[in-house]
Amino acid sequence: MDDLDSNTLRALKRCINGMNLIETTSEYTKDEDSGELIMVKQKRVEKAIPPNVDILKLIYQNLMPNKTDYETMTDEELKKEKYRLLNELKEMESDSRKSKSKS
């Protein structure tokens, strides 16, 4: 996981933690006199995207050198491992920022 860029790390962190998205839908109509588009209605919806456990499994199965049988771990052990990985991602992201600022 050393060769991941900061955008990829940020995306991984979002997938692991979950996220909230705000979706805006706008409806326009054409003004008969001027021919310009006029916004008639706008709707904003906030969506909660839950954490993606499959991403964690993928990381463990394919990218981690010390593979462990995570299916047998308790929920508490999995949470501890999640936080450990998040901290590792933070460190990698800060190292990536430091190396970019030196360039």
PDB file of N, CA and C in Angstrom:
ATOM      1  N   MET A   1       0.811  -1.185   0.000  1.00  0.00           N
ATOM      2  CA  MET A   1       0.000   0.000   0.000  1.00  0.00           C
ATOM      3  C   MET A   1       0.860   1.257   0.000  1.00  0.00           C
ATOM      4  N   ASP A   2       2.165   1.085  -0.164  1.00  0.00           N
ATOM      5  CA  ASP A   2       3.068   2.223  -0.132  1.00  0.00           C
ATOM      6  C   ASP A   2       2.965   3.093  -1.377  1.00  0.00           C
ATOM      7  N   ASP A   3       2.522   2.526  -2.497  1.00  0.00           N
ATOM      8  CA  ASP A   3       2.514   3.278  -3.739  1.00  0.00           C
ATOM      9  C   ASP A   3       1.161   3.920  -4.065  1.00  0.00           C
ATOM     10  N   LEU A   4       0.263   4.030  -3.072  1.00  0.00           N
ATOM     11  CA  LEU A   4      -1.027   4.658  -3.303  1.00  0.00           C
ATOM     12  C   LEU A   4      -0.902   6.167  -3.178  1.00  0.00           C
ATOM     13  N   ASP A   5      -1.550   6.900  -4.082  1.00  0.00           N
ATOM     14  CA  ASP A   5      -1.506   8.364  -3.989  1.00  0.00           C
ATOM     15  C   ASP A   5      -2.520   8.859  -2.959  1.00  0.00           C
ATOM     16  N   SER A   6      -2.455  10.135  -2.641  1.00  0.00           N
ATOM     17  CA  SER A   6      -3.300  10.692  -1.574  1.00  0.00           C
ATOM     18  C   SER A   6      -4.789  10.630  -1.922  1.00  0.00           C
ATOM     19  N   ASN A   7      -5.142  10.778  -3.193  1.00  0.00           N
ATOM     20  CA  ASN A   7      -6.552  10.684  -3.588  1.00  0.00           C
ATOM     21  C   ASN A   7      -7.101   9.281  -3.352  1.00  0.00           C
ATOM     22  N   THR A   8      -6.304   8.281  -3.661  1.00  0.00           N
ATOM     23  CA  THR A   8      -6.724   6.895  -3.455  1.00  0.00           C
ATOM     24  C   THR A   8      -6.870   6.610  -1.972  1.00  0.00           C
ATOM     25  N   LEU A   9      -5.931   7.099  -1.177  1.00  0.00           N
ATOM     26  CA  LEU A   9      -6.014   6.896   0.262  1.00  0.00           C
ATOM     27  C   LEU A   9      -7.253   7.579   0.843  1.00  0.00           C
ATOM     28  N   ARG A  10      -7.538   8.778   0.377  1.00  0.00           N
ATOM     29  CA  ARG A  10      -8.709   9.514   0.847  1.00  0.00           C
ATOM     30  C   ARG A  10      -9.987   8.750   0.473  1.00  0.00           C
ATOM     31  N   ALA A  11     -10.035   8.206  -0.730  1.00  0.00           N
ATOM     32  CA  ALA A  11     -11.202   7.442  -1.173  1.00  0.00           C
ATOM     33  C   ALA A  11     -11.360   6.167  -0.346  1.00  0.00           C
ATOM     34  N   LEU A  12     -10.254   5.505  -0.050  1.00  0.00           N
ATOM     35  CA  LEU A  12     -10.305   4.311   0.782  1.00  0.00           C
ATOM     36  C   LEU A  12     -10.844   4.632   2.173  1.00  0.00           C
ATOM     37  N   LYS A  13     -10.377   5.741   2.735  1.00  0.00           N
ATOM     38  CA  LYS A  13     -10.844   6.132   4.059  1.00  0.00           C
ATOM     39  C   LYS A  13     -12.340   6.423   4.046  1.00  0.00           C
ATOM     40  N   ARG A  14     -12.823   7.054   2.998  1.00  0.00           N
ATOM     41  CA  ARG A  14     -14.262   7.332   2.891  1.00  0.00           C
ATOM     42  C   ARG A  14     -15.061   6.038   2.797  1.00  0.00           C
ATOM     43  N   CYS A  15     -14.543   5.088   2.020  1.00  0.00           N
ATOM     44  CA  CYS A  15     -15.246   3.812   1.882  1.00  0.00           C
ATOM     45  C   CYS A  15     -15.250   3.035   3.186  1.00  0.00           C
ATOM     46  N   ILE A  16     -14.153   3.098   3.917  1.00  0.00           N
ATOM     47  CA  ILE A  16     -14.049   2.359   5.172  1.00  0.00           C
ATOM     48  C   ILE A  16     -14.929   2.993   6.243  1.00  0.00           C
ATOM     49  N   ASN A  17     -14.969   4.309   6.294  1.00  0.00           N
ATOM     50  CA  ASN A  17     -15.735   5.010   7.333  1.00  0.00           C
ATOM     51  C   ASN A  17     -17.190   5.238   6.964  1.00  0.00           C
ATOM     52  N   GLY A  18     -17.517   5.214   5.694  1.00  0.00           N
ATOM     53  CA  GLY A  18     -18.834   5.620   5.254  1.00  0.00           C
ATOM     54  C   GLY A  18     -18.820   7.127   5.029  1.00  0.00           C
ATOM     55  N   MET A  19     -19.897   7.663   4.479  1.00  0.00           N
ATOM     56  CA  MET A  19     -19.907   9.096   4.199  1.00  0.00           C
ATOM     57  C   MET A  19     -21.338   9.577   3.990  1.00  0.00           C
ATOM     58  N   ASN A  20     -21.500  10.890   4.020  1.00  0.00           N
ATOM     59  CA  ASN A  20     -22.777  11.524   3.713  1.00  0.00           C
ATOM     60  C   ASN A  20     -22.627  12.295   2.411  1.00  0.00           C
ATOM     61  N   LEU A  21     -23.581  12.113   1.528  1.00  0.00           N
ATOM     62  CA  LEU A  21     -23.584  12.822   0.258  1.00  0.00           C
ATOM     63  C   LEU A  21     -24.815  13.709   0.181  1.00  0.00           C
ATOM     64  N   ILE A  22     -24.668  14.863  -0.436  1.00  0.00           N
ATOM     65  CA  ILE A  22     -25.808  15.734  -0.689  1.00  0.00           C
ATOM     66  C   ILE A  22     -26.035  15.765  -2.192  1.00  0.00           C
ATOM     67  N   GLU A  23     -27.220  15.307  -2.588  1.00  0.00           N
ATOM     68  CA  GLU A  23     -27.569  15.254  -4.002  1.00  0.00           C
ATOM     69  C   GLU A  23     -28.563  16.370  -4.301  1.00  0.00           C
ATOM     70  N   THR A  24     -28.249  17.185  -5.294  1.00  0.00           N
ATOM     71  CA  THR A  24     -29.118  18.285  -5.683  1.00  0.00           C
ATOM     72  C   THR A  24     -29.685  18.005  -7.064  1.00  0.00           C
ATOM     73  N   THR A  25     -31.003  18.071  -7.164  1.00  0.00           N
ATOM     74  CA  THR A  25     -31.689  17.881  -8.432  1.00  0.00           C
ATOM     75  C   THR A  25     -32.423  19.174  -8.771  1.00  0.00           C
ATOM     76  N   SER A  26     -32.160  19.713  -9.939  1.00  0.00           N
ATOM     77  CA  SER A  26     -32.790  20.965 -10.361  1.00  0.00           C
ATOM     78  C   SER A  26     -33.651  20.722 -11.593  1.00  0.00           C
ATOM     79  N   GLU A  27     -34.784  21.393 -11.627  1.00  0.00           N
ATOM     80  CA  GLU A  27     -35.695  21.283 -12.767  1.00  0.00           C
ATOM     81  C   GLU A  27     -35.809  22.666 -13.408  1.00  0.00           C
ATOM     82  N   TYR A  28     -35.614  22.714 -14.718  1.00  0.00           N
ATOM     83  CA  TYR A  28     -35.636  23.982 -15.452  1.00  0.00           C
ATOM     84  C   TYR A  28     -36.749  23.971 -16.484  1.00  0.00           C
ATOM     85  N   THR A  29     -37.204  25.161 -16.809  1.00  0.00           N
ATOM     86  CA  THR A  29     -38.163  25.326 -17.899  1.00  0.00           C
ATOM     87  C   THR A  29     -37.685  26.492 -18.762  1.00  0.00           C
ATOM     88  N   LYS A  30     -38.081  26.482 -20.017  1.00  0.00           N
ATOM     89  CA  LYS A  30     -37.662  27.533 -20.935  1.00  0.00           C
ATOM     90  C   LYS A  30     -38.674  28.665 -20.905  1.00  0.00           C
ATOM     91  N   ASP A  31     -38.177  29.886 -20.688  1.00  0.00           N
ATOM     92  CA  ASP A  31     -39.040  31.068 -20.687  1.00  0.00           C
ATOM     93  C   ASP A  31     -39.503  31.338 -22.124  1.00  0.00           C
ATOM     94  N   GLU A  32     -40.798  31.481 -22.283  1.00  0.00           N
ATOM     95  CA  GLU A  32     -41.349  31.668 -23.635  1.00  0.00           C
ATOM     96  C   GLU A  32     -40.920  32.994 -24.265  1.00  0.00           C
ATOM     97  N   ASP A  33     -40.812  34.047 -23.448  1.00  0.00           N
ATOM     98  CA  ASP A  33     -40.470  35.362 -23.989  1.00  0.00           C
ATOM     99  C   ASP A  33     -38.992  35.486 -24.327  1.00  0.00           C
ATOM    100  N   SER A  34     -38.145  35.187 -23.360  1.00  0.00           N
ATOM    101  CA  SER A  34     -36.708  35.413 -23.566  1.00  0.00           C
ATOM    102  C   SER A  34     -35.987  34.185 -24.110  1.00  0.00           C
ATOM    103  N   GLY A  35     -36.558  33.002 -23.943  1.00  0.00           N
ATOM    104  CA  GLY A  35     -35.905  31.787 -24.422  1.00  0.00           C
ATOM    105  C   GLY A  35     -34.847  31.257 -23.459  1.00  0.00           C
ATOM    106  N   GLU A  36     -34.685  31.911 -22.304  1.00  0.00           N
ATOM    107  CA  GLU A  36     -33.694  31.471 -21.318  1.00  0.00           C
ATOM    108  C   GLU A  36     -34.273  30.373 -20.439  1.00  0.00           C
ATOM    109  N   LEU A  37     -33.371  29.579 -19.881  1.00  0.00           N
ATOM    110  CA  LEU A  37     -33.798  28.545 -18.944  1.00  0.00           C
ATOM    111  C   LEU A  37     -33.966  29.162 -17.563  1.00  0.00           C
ATOM    112  N   ILE A  38     -35.059  28.841 -16.910  1.00  0.00           N
ATOM    113  CA  ILE A  38     -35.351  29.345 -15.574  1.00  0.00           C
ATOM    114  C   ILE A  38     -35.540  28.142 -14.649  1.00  0.00           C
ATOM    115  N   MET A  39     -34.875  28.191 -13.482  1.00  0.00           N
ATOM    116  CA  MET A  39     -35.018  27.101 -12.531  1.00  0.00           C
ATOM    117  C   MET A  39     -36.402  27.182 -11.883  1.00  0.00           C
ATOM    118  N   VAL A  40     -37.118  26.068 -11.968  1.00  0.00           N
ATOM    119  CA  VAL A  40     -38.464  26.007 -11.430  1.00  0.00           C
ATOM    120  C   VAL A  40     -38.463  25.368 -10.048  1.00  0.00           C
ATOM    121  N   LYS A  41     -37.667  24.316  -9.902  1.00  0.00           N
ATOM    122  CA  LYS A  41     -37.675  23.557  -8.668  1.00  0.00           C
ATOM    123  C   LYS A  41     -36.279  23.020  -8.400  1.00  0.00           C
ATOM    124  N   GLN A  42     -35.889  23.013  -7.122  1.00  0.00           N
ATOM    125  CA  GLN A  42     -34.609  22.429  -6.741  1.00  0.00           C
ATOM    126  C   GLN A  42     -34.821  21.588  -5.494  1.00  0.00           C
ATOM    127  N   LYS A  43     -34.291  20.381  -5.520  1.00  0.00           N
ATOM    128  CA  LYS A  43     -34.479  19.454  -4.412  1.00  0.00           C
ATOM    129  C   LYS A  43     -33.115  18.973  -3.938  1.00  0.00           C
ATOM    130  N   ARG A  44     -32.882  19.063  -2.635  1.00  0.00           N
ATOM    131  CA  ARG A  44     -31.625  18.596  -2.043  1.00  0.00           C
ATOM    132  C   ARG A  44     -31.937  17.422  -1.127  1.00  0.00           C
ATOM    133  N   VAL A  45     -31.203  16.340  -1.327  1.00  0.00           N
ATOM    134  CA  VAL A  45     -31.403  15.131  -0.527  1.00  0.00           C
ATOM    135  C   VAL A  45     -30.054  14.719   0.036  1.00  0.00           C
ATOM    136  N   GLU A  46     -30.015  14.463   1.341  1.00  0.00           N
ATOM    137  CA  GLU A  46     -28.779  13.976   1.958  1.00  0.00           C
ATOM    138  C   GLU A  46     -28.880  12.465   2.079  1.00  0.00           C
ATOM    139  N   LYS A  47     -27.843  11.800   1.605  1.00  0.00           N
ATOM    140  CA  LYS A  47     -27.818  10.341   1.628  1.00  0.00           C
ATOM    141  C   LYS A  47     -26.652   9.878   2.490  1.00  0.00           C
ATOM    142  N   ALA A  48     -26.915   8.923   3.358  1.00  0.00           N
ATOM    143  CA  ALA A  48     -25.870   8.331   4.188  1.00  0.00           C
ATOM    144  C   ALA A  48     -25.388   7.048   3.514  1.00  0.00           C
ATOM    145  N   ILE A  49     -24.103   7.009   3.197  1.00  0.00           N
ATOM    146  CA  ILE A  49     -23.497   5.825   2.595  1.00  0.00           C
ATOM    147  C   ILE A  49     -22.793   5.064   3.715  1.00  0.00           C
ATOM    148  N   PRO A  50     -23.197   3.832   4.006  1.00  0.00           N
ATOM    149  CA  PRO A  50     -22.592   3.092   5.113  1.00  0.00           C
ATOM    150  C   PRO A  50     -21.170   2.647   4.783  1.00  0.00           C
ATOM    151  N   PRO A  51     -20.393   2.296   5.816  1.00  0.00           N
ATOM    152  CA  PRO A  51     -19.042   1.775   5.565  1.00  0.00           C
ATOM    153  C   PRO A  51     -19.090   0.520   4.696  1.00  0.00           C
ATOM    154  N   ASN A  52     -18.076   0.354   3.876  1.00  0.00           N
ATOM    155  CA  ASN A  52     -18.008  -0.782   2.964  1.00  0.00           C
ATOM    156  C   ASN A  52     -17.040  -1.820   3.522  1.00  0.00           C
ATOM    157  N   VAL A  53     -17.587  -2.869   4.094  1.00  0.00           N
ATOM    158  CA  VAL A  53     -16.776  -3.909   4.715  1.00  0.00           C
ATOM    159  C   VAL A  53     -16.017  -4.703   3.654  1.00  0.00           C
ATOM    160  N   ASP A  54     -16.558  -4.773   2.461  1.00  0.00           N
ATOM    161  CA  ASP A  54     -15.887  -5.516   1.391  1.00  0.00           C
ATOM    162  C   ASP A  54     -14.532  -4.899   1.043  1.00  0.00           C
ATOM    163  N   ILE A  55     -14.422  -3.569   1.161  1.00  0.00           N
ATOM    164  CA  ILE A  55     -13.134  -2.906   0.912  1.00  0.00           C
ATOM    165  C   ILE A  55     -12.106  -3.373   1.932  1.00  0.00           C
ATOM    166  N   LEU A  56     -12.518  -3.451   3.202  1.00  0.00           N
ATOM    167  CA  LEU A  56     -11.609  -3.931   4.240  1.00  0.00           C
ATOM    168  C   LEU A  56     -11.159  -5.358   3.944  1.00  0.00           C
ATOM    169  N   LYS A  57     -12.108  -6.192   3.560  1.00  0.00           N
ATOM    170  CA  LYS A  57     -11.766  -7.585   3.239  1.00  0.00           C
ATOM    171  C   LYS A  57     -10.769  -7.636   2.086  1.00  0.00           C
ATOM    172  N   LEU A  58     -10.999  -6.809   1.072  1.00  0.00           N
ATOM    173  CA  LEU A  58     -10.102  -6.774  -0.078  1.00  0.00           C
ATOM    174  C   LEU A  58      -8.694  -6.385   0.351  1.00  0.00           C
ATOM    175  N   ILE A  59      -8.602  -5.364   1.188  1.00  0.00           N
ATOM    176  CA  ILE A  59      -7.291  -4.930   1.665  1.00  0.00           C
ATOM    177  C   ILE A  59      -6.605  -6.056   2.415  1.00  0.00           C
ATOM    178  N   TYR A  60      -7.336  -6.682   3.306  1.00  0.00           N
ATOM    179  CA  TYR A  60      -6.749  -7.764   4.093  1.00  0.00           C
ATOM    180  C   TYR A  60      -6.327  -8.940   3.233  1.00  0.00           C
ATOM    181  N   GLN A  61      -7.165  -9.321   2.301  1.00  0.00           N
ATOM    182  CA  GLN A  61      -6.881 -10.512   1.518  1.00  0.00           C
ATOM    183  C   GLN A  61      -5.783 -10.313   0.485  1.00  0.00           C
ATOM    184  N   ASN A  62      -5.702  -9.117  -0.097  1.00  0.00           N
ATOM    185  CA  ASN A  62      -4.796  -8.936  -1.221  1.00  0.00           C
ATOM    186  C   ASN A  62      -3.601  -8.035  -0.968  1.00  0.00           C
ATOM    187  N   LEU A  63      -3.722  -7.097  -0.064  1.00  0.00           N
ATOM    188  CA  LEU A  63      -2.671  -6.106   0.084  1.00  0.00           C
ATOM    189  C   LEU A  63      -1.853  -6.231   1.361  1.00  0.00           C
ATOM    190  N   MET A  64      -2.368  -6.912   2.352  1.00  0.00           N
ATOM    191  CA  MET A  64      -1.666  -6.997   3.623  1.00  0.00           C
ATOM    192  C   MET A  64      -0.730  -8.203   3.616  1.00  0.00           C
ATOM    193  N   PRO A  65       0.529  -7.998   4.003  1.00  0.00           N
ATOM    194  CA  PRO A  65       1.486  -9.108   3.970  1.00  0.00           C
ATOM    195  C   PRO A  65       1.199 -10.177   5.029  1.00  0.00           C
ATOM    196  N   ASN A  66       0.740  -9.779   6.203  1.00  0.00           N
ATOM    197  CA  ASN A  66       0.459 -10.729   7.278  1.00  0.00           C
ATOM    198  C   ASN A  66      -1.033 -11.022   7.292  1.00  0.00           C
ATOM    199  N   LYS A  67      -1.417 -12.041   6.562  1.00  0.00           N
ATOM    200  CA  LYS A  67      -2.837 -12.351   6.454  1.00  0.00           C
ATOM    201  C   LYS A  67      -3.310 -13.056   7.727  1.00  0.00           C
ATOM    202  N   THR A  68      -4.497 -12.693   8.149  1.00  0.00           N
ATOM    203  CA  THR A  68      -5.118 -13.269   9.326  1.00  0.00           C
ATOM    204  C   THR A  68      -6.525 -13.693   8.942  1.00  0.00           C
ATOM    205  N   ASP A  69      -7.055 -14.665   9.653  1.00  0.00           N
ATOM    206  CA  ASP A  69      -8.420 -15.098   9.383  1.00  0.00           C
ATOM    207  C   ASP A  69      -9.381 -14.146  10.089  1.00  0.00           C
ATOM    208  N   TYR A  70      -9.815 -13.110   9.373  1.00  0.00           N
ATOM    209  CA  TYR A  70     -10.644 -12.075   9.971  1.00  0.00           C
ATOM    210  C   TYR A  70     -12.085 -12.522  10.175  1.00  0.00           C
ATOM    211  N   GLU A  71     -12.473 -13.576   9.509  1.00  0.00           N
ATOM    212  CA  GLU A  71     -13.835 -14.070   9.681  1.00  0.00           C
ATOM    213  C   GLU A  71     -14.059 -14.632  11.078  1.00  0.00           C
ATOM    214  N   THR A  72     -13.002 -15.057  11.736  1.00  0.00           N
ATOM    215  CA  THR A  72     -13.146 -15.612  13.075  1.00  0.00           C
ATOM    216  C   THR A  72     -12.992 -14.559  14.165  1.00  0.00           C
ATOM    217  N   MET A  73     -12.661 -13.323  13.785  1.00  0.00           N
ATOM    218  CA  MET A  73     -12.469 -12.272  14.781  1.00  0.00           C
ATOM    219  C   MET A  73     -13.821 -11.792  15.317  1.00  0.00           C
ATOM    220  N   THR A  74     -13.805 -11.331  16.569  1.00  0.00           N
ATOM    221  CA  THR A  74     -15.020 -10.766  17.163  1.00  0.00           C
ATOM    222  C   THR A  74     -15.228  -9.358  16.619  1.00  0.00           C
ATOM    223  N   ASP A  75     -16.408  -8.807  16.854  1.00  0.00           N
ATOM    224  CA  ASP A  75     -16.699  -7.447  16.401  1.00  0.00           C
ATOM    225  C   ASP A  75     -15.731  -6.445  17.033  1.00  0.00           C
ATOM    226  N   GLU A  76     -15.418  -6.634  18.289  1.00  0.00           N
ATOM    227  CA  GLU A  76     -14.494  -5.719  18.974  1.00  0.00           C
ATOM    228  C   GLU A  76     -13.100  -5.782  18.360  1.00  0.00           C
ATOM    229  N   GLU A  77     -12.636  -6.990  18.068  1.00  0.00           N
ATOM    230  CA  GLU A  77     -11.324  -7.136  17.432  1.00  0.00           C
ATOM    231  C   GLU A  77     -11.313  -6.488  16.041  1.00  0.00           C
ATOM    232  N   LEU A  78     -12.408  -6.649  15.308  1.00  0.00           N
ATOM    233  CA  LEU A  78     -12.499  -6.038  13.978  1.00  0.00           C
ATOM    234  C   LEU A  78     -12.489  -4.514  14.070  1.00  0.00           C
ATOM    235  N   LYS A  79     -13.168  -3.950  15.077  1.00  0.00           N
ATOM    236  CA  LYS A  79     -13.160  -2.500  15.255  1.00  0.00           C
ATOM    237  C   LYS A  79     -11.754  -2.004  15.570  1.00  0.00           C
ATOM    238  N   LYS A  80     -11.044  -2.714  16.436  1.00  0.00           N
ATOM    239  CA  LYS A  80      -9.664  -2.329  16.761  1.00  0.00           C
ATOM    240  C   LYS A  80      -8.795  -2.363  15.508  1.00  0.00           C
ATOM    241  N   GLU A  81      -8.977  -3.388  14.709  1.00  0.00           N
ATOM    242  CA  GLU A  81      -8.204  -3.518  13.471  1.00  0.00           C
ATOM    243  C   GLU A  81      -8.563  -2.408  12.494  1.00  0.00           C
ATOM    244  N   LYS A  82      -9.827  -2.042  12.440  1.00  0.00           N
ATOM    245  CA  LYS A  82     -10.273  -0.945  11.578  1.00  0.00           C
ATOM    246  C   LYS A  82      -9.556   0.342  11.956  1.00  0.00           C
ATOM    247  N   TYR A  83      -9.534   0.664  13.251  1.00  0.00           N
ATOM    248  CA  TYR A  83      -8.882   1.887  13.693  1.00  0.00           C
ATOM    249  C   TYR A  83      -7.373   1.840  13.462  1.00  0.00           C
ATOM    250  N   ARG A  84      -6.792   0.660  13.620  1.00  0.00           N
ATOM    251  CA  ARG A  84      -5.365   0.526  13.343  1.00  0.00           C
ATOM    252  C   ARG A  84      -5.075   0.830  11.873  1.00  0.00           C
ATOM    253  N   LEU A  85      -5.916   0.293  10.985  1.00  0.00           N
ATOM    254  CA  LEU A  85      -5.728   0.532   9.559  1.00  0.00           C
ATOM    255  C   LEU A  85      -5.974   1.989   9.186  1.00  0.00           C
ATOM    256  N   LEU A  86      -6.977   2.594   9.806  1.00  0.00           N
ATOM    257  CA  LEU A  86      -7.235   4.009   9.539  1.00  0.00           C
ATOM    258  C   LEU A  86      -6.044   4.866   9.952  1.00  0.00           C
ATOM    259  N   ASN A  87      -5.459   4.549  11.090  1.00  0.00           N
ATOM    260  CA  ASN A  87      -4.267   5.285  11.519  1.00  0.00           C
ATOM    261  C   ASN A  87      -3.115   5.075  10.550  1.00  0.00           C
ATOM    262  N   GLU A  88      -2.988   3.859  10.053  1.00  0.00           N
ATOM    263  CA  GLU A  88      -1.946   3.575   9.067  1.00  0.00           C
ATOM    264  C   GLU A  88      -2.178   4.373   7.788  1.00  0.00           C
ATOM    265  N   LEU A  89      -3.431   4.453   7.359  1.00  0.00           N
ATOM    266  CA  LEU A  89      -3.754   5.244   6.171  1.00  0.00           C
ATOM    267  C   LEU A  89      -3.459   6.725   6.397  1.00  0.00           C
ATOM    268  N   LYS A  90      -3.760   7.238   7.600  1.00  0.00           N
ATOM    269  CA  LYS A  90      -3.452   8.635   7.919  1.00  0.00           C
ATOM    270  C   LYS A  90      -1.954   8.895   7.823  1.00  0.00           C
ATOM    271  N   GLU A  91      -1.185   7.983   8.391  1.00  0.00           N
ATOM    272  CA  GLU A  91       0.268   8.134   8.344  1.00  0.00           C
ATOM    273  C   GLU A  91       0.770   8.115   6.907  1.00  0.00           C
ATOM    274  N   MET A  92       0.226   7.207   6.122  1.00  0.00           N
ATOM    275  CA  MET A  92       0.649   7.123   4.726  1.00  0.00           C
ATOM    276  C   MET A  92       0.256   8.386   3.973  1.00  0.00           C
ATOM    277  N   GLU A  93      -0.931   8.929   4.269  1.00  0.00           N
ATOM    278  CA  GLU A  93      -1.387  10.142   3.608  1.00  0.00           C
ATOM    279  C   GLU A  93      -0.510  11.324   3.994  1.00  0.00           C
ATOM    280  N   SER A  94      -0.146  11.417   5.276  1.00  0.00           N
ATOM    281  CA  SER A  94       0.714  12.531   5.702  1.00  0.00           C
ATOM    282  C   SER A  94       2.111  12.387   5.114  1.00  0.00           C
ATOM    283  N   ASP A  95       2.602  11.153   5.006  1.00  0.00           N
ATOM    284  CA  ASP A  95       3.907  10.937   4.359  1.00  0.00           C
ATOM    285  C   ASP A  95       3.836  11.331   2.887  1.00  0.00           C
ATOM    286  N   SER A  96       2.709  11.012   2.248  1.00  0.00           N
ATOM    287  CA  SER A  96       2.534  11.365   0.832  1.00  0.00           C
ATOM    288  C   SER A  96       2.518  12.874   0.648  1.00  0.00           C
ATOM    289  N   ARG A  97       1.840  13.576   1.560  1.00  0.00           N
ATOM    290  CA  ARG A  97       1.811  15.045   1.494  1.00  0.00           C
ATOM    291  C   ARG A  97       3.197  15.624   1.706  1.00  0.00           C
ATOM    292  N   LYS A  98       3.941  15.062   2.650  1.00  0.00           N
ATOM    293  CA  LYS A  98       5.293  15.572   2.923  1.00  0.00           C
ATOM    294  C   LYS A  98       6.194  15.393   1.714  1.00  0.00           C
ATOM    295  N   SER A  99       6.081  14.223   1.053  1.00  0.00           N
ATOM    296  CA  SER A  99       6.936  13.977  -0.114  1.00  0.00           C
ATOM    297  C   SER A  99       6.540  14.876  -1.277  1.00  0.00           C
ATOM    298  N   LYS A 100       5.247  15.201  -1.423  1.00  0.00           N
ATOM    299  CA  LYS A 100       4.821  16.112  -2.489  1.00  0.00           C
ATOM    300  C   LYS A 100       5.288  17.536  -2.222  1.00  0.00           C
ATOM    301  N   SER A 101       5.267  17.949  -0.963  1.00  0.00           N
ATOM    302  CA  SER A 101       5.682  19.314  -0.647  1.00  0.00           C
ATOM    303  C   SER A 101       7.185  19.486  -0.825  1.00  0.00           C
ATOM    304  N   LYS A 102       7.944  18.419  -0.692  1.00  0.00           N
ATOM    305  CA  LYS A 102       9.404  18.492  -0.897  1.00  0.00           C
ATOM    306  C   LYS A 102       9.754  18.558  -2.382  1.00  0.00           C
ATOM    307  N   SER A 103       8.862  18.030  -3.227  1.00  0.00           N
ATOM    308  CA  SER A 103       9.133  17.983  -4.679  1.00  0.00           C
ATOM    309  C   SER A 103       9.054  19.335  -5.311  1.00  0.00           C
TER     310      SER A 103
END
